[in-house]
Amino acid sequence: MAAAAPPPVPKHFALLYSYVPDILEKRGPYRAEHLRLAQESIVKSDMIIGGVLADPVDGALFLFRGEDGGEKAKAFAEGDPYVVNGLVTEWKVRPYLVPLENVP
């Protein structure tokens, strides 16, 4: 009897930010809108999780899902007030392969 083919690898995309050195002091005017956009993306189930890289706070990581997750990540970054207002010095979207996932 032939072994069953493994399930397809889920499609995920990581959006990575690099921040200006003094991000914590500069983000104030843009933070509410940044968080609103992120929450909206989570509610739509586009973004799985997002957060800041700490010790030091110098970047962020957001994880998007779906075949079009890369495009959704790109659109998020292009509309994010942190990017638009120069608080993000560099951003990139990378495919993120997840062969194992704990899905309830």
Protein backbone atom coordinates (compact mmCIF):
# COMPACT_ATOMS: atom_id res chain seq x y z
CA MET A 1 0.00 0.00 0.00
CA ALA A 2 1.42 3.39 -1.02
CA ALA A 3 1.93 6.05 1.60
CA ALA A 4 -0.44 8.99 1.48
CA ALA A 5 0.98 12.20 0.14
CA PRO A 6 1.85 14.72 2.85
CA PRO A 7 -0.57 17.60 3.28
CA PRO A 8 0.39 20.81 1.47
CA VAL A 9 2.59 23.25 3.34
CA PRO A 10 0.44 26.15 4.58
CA LYS A 11 1.11 29.48 2.91
CA HIS A 12 2.46 32.13 5.26
CA PHE A 13 4.40 35.34 4.76
CA ALA A 14 6.52 37.28 7.24
CA LEU A 15 6.58 41.06 7.07
CA LEU A 16 9.76 42.33 8.72
CA TYR A 17 10.35 45.94 9.77
CA SER A 18 13.54 47.74 10.80
CA TYR A 19 12.82 50.79 12.95
CA VAL A 20 14.55 54.12 13.47
CA PRO A 21 16.68 54.05 16.66
CA ASP A 22 14.25 56.21 18.66
CA ILE A 23 11.00 54.50 17.58
CA LEU A 24 9.50 54.49 21.09
CA GLU A 25 9.77 58.29 21.30
CA LYS A 26 8.55 58.94 17.73
CA ARG A 27 5.66 56.50 17.30
CA GLY A 28 3.13 58.33 19.49
CA PRO A 29 1.25 60.33 16.82
CA TYR A 30 0.95 57.27 14.56
CA ARG A 31 0.47 54.41 17.03
CA ALA A 32 -3.34 54.38 17.23
CA GLU A 33 -3.73 54.19 13.44
CA HIS A 34 -0.95 51.59 13.16
CA LEU A 35 -2.68 49.39 15.75
CA ARG A 36 -6.11 49.94 14.15
CA LEU A 37 -4.81 48.74 10.78
CA ALA A 38 -3.15 45.72 12.37
CA GLN A 39 -6.30 44.81 14.32
CA GLU A 40 -8.40 45.18 11.17
CA SER A 41 -6.05 42.79 9.38
CA ILE A 42 -6.32 40.28 12.22
CA VAL A 43 -10.12 40.48 12.26
CA LYS A 44 -10.13 39.73 8.51
CA SER A 45 -7.84 36.73 9.26
CA ASP A 46 -5.15 38.10 6.95
CA MET A 47 -2.64 38.68 9.74
CA ILE A 48 -2.08 35.93 12.28
CA ILE A 49 0.12 37.81 14.74
CA GLY A 50 2.21 40.94 14.90
CA GLY A 51 4.54 42.52 17.36
CA VAL A 52 7.71 44.38 18.14
CA LEU A 53 11.16 42.82 18.41
CA ALA A 54 12.48 43.73 21.86
CA ASP A 55 15.75 44.12 23.73
CA PRO A 56 16.47 46.33 21.84
CA VAL A 57 13.28 47.59 20.20
CA ASP A 58 14.64 47.82 16.66
CA GLY A 59 12.09 46.08 14.47
CA ALA A 60 8.82 44.21 14.17
CA LEU A 61 7.46 40.96 12.76
CA PHE A 62 3.99 40.39 11.33
CA LEU A 63 2.80 37.02 10.05
CA PHE A 64 0.23 36.84 7.25
CA ARG A 65 -1.55 33.78 5.87
CA GLY A 66 -3.01 32.67 2.57
CA GLU A 67 -2.00 32.32 -1.04
CA ASP A 68 -2.20 36.11 -1.34
CA GLY A 69 -0.66 36.75 2.08
CA GLY A 70 2.43 38.27 0.50
CA GLU A 71 0.33 40.85 -1.32
CA LYS A 72 -1.66 41.54 1.84
CA ALA A 73 1.55 42.03 3.81
CA LYS A 74 2.87 44.41 1.16
CA ALA A 75 -0.39 46.39 1.14
CA PHE A 76 -0.32 46.59 4.95
CA ALA A 77 3.22 47.98 4.95
CA GLU A 78 2.50 50.48 2.18
CA GLY A 79 -0.45 51.88 4.16
CA ASP A 80 1.11 51.71 7.62
CA PRO A 81 1.67 55.19 9.10
CA TYR A 82 4.96 53.97 10.60
CA VAL A 83 6.23 53.31 7.05
CA VAL A 84 4.59 56.36 5.47
CA ASN A 85 6.07 58.69 8.12
CA GLY A 86 9.62 57.30 8.06
CA LEU A 87 9.66 55.34 11.32
CA VAL A 88 10.45 52.17 9.38
CA THR A 89 13.86 52.36 7.71
CA GLU A 90 13.43 49.12 5.77
CA TRP A 91 10.71 46.50 5.31
CA LYS A 92 10.49 43.25 3.40
CA VAL A 93 8.08 40.40 2.86
CA ARG A 94 9.45 36.85 2.96
CA PRO A 95 7.72 33.51 2.39
CA TYR A 96 7.50 31.62 5.68
CA LEU A 97 7.20 27.84 5.40
CA VAL A 98 5.27 26.15 8.18
CA PRO A 99 5.42 22.36 7.91
CA LEU A 100 4.01 21.95 11.45
CA GLU A 101 1.16 23.92 12.91
CA ASN A 102 -1.05 23.47 15.95
CA VAL A 103 -4.48 24.29 14.62
CA PRO A 104 -7.41 23.81 17.02
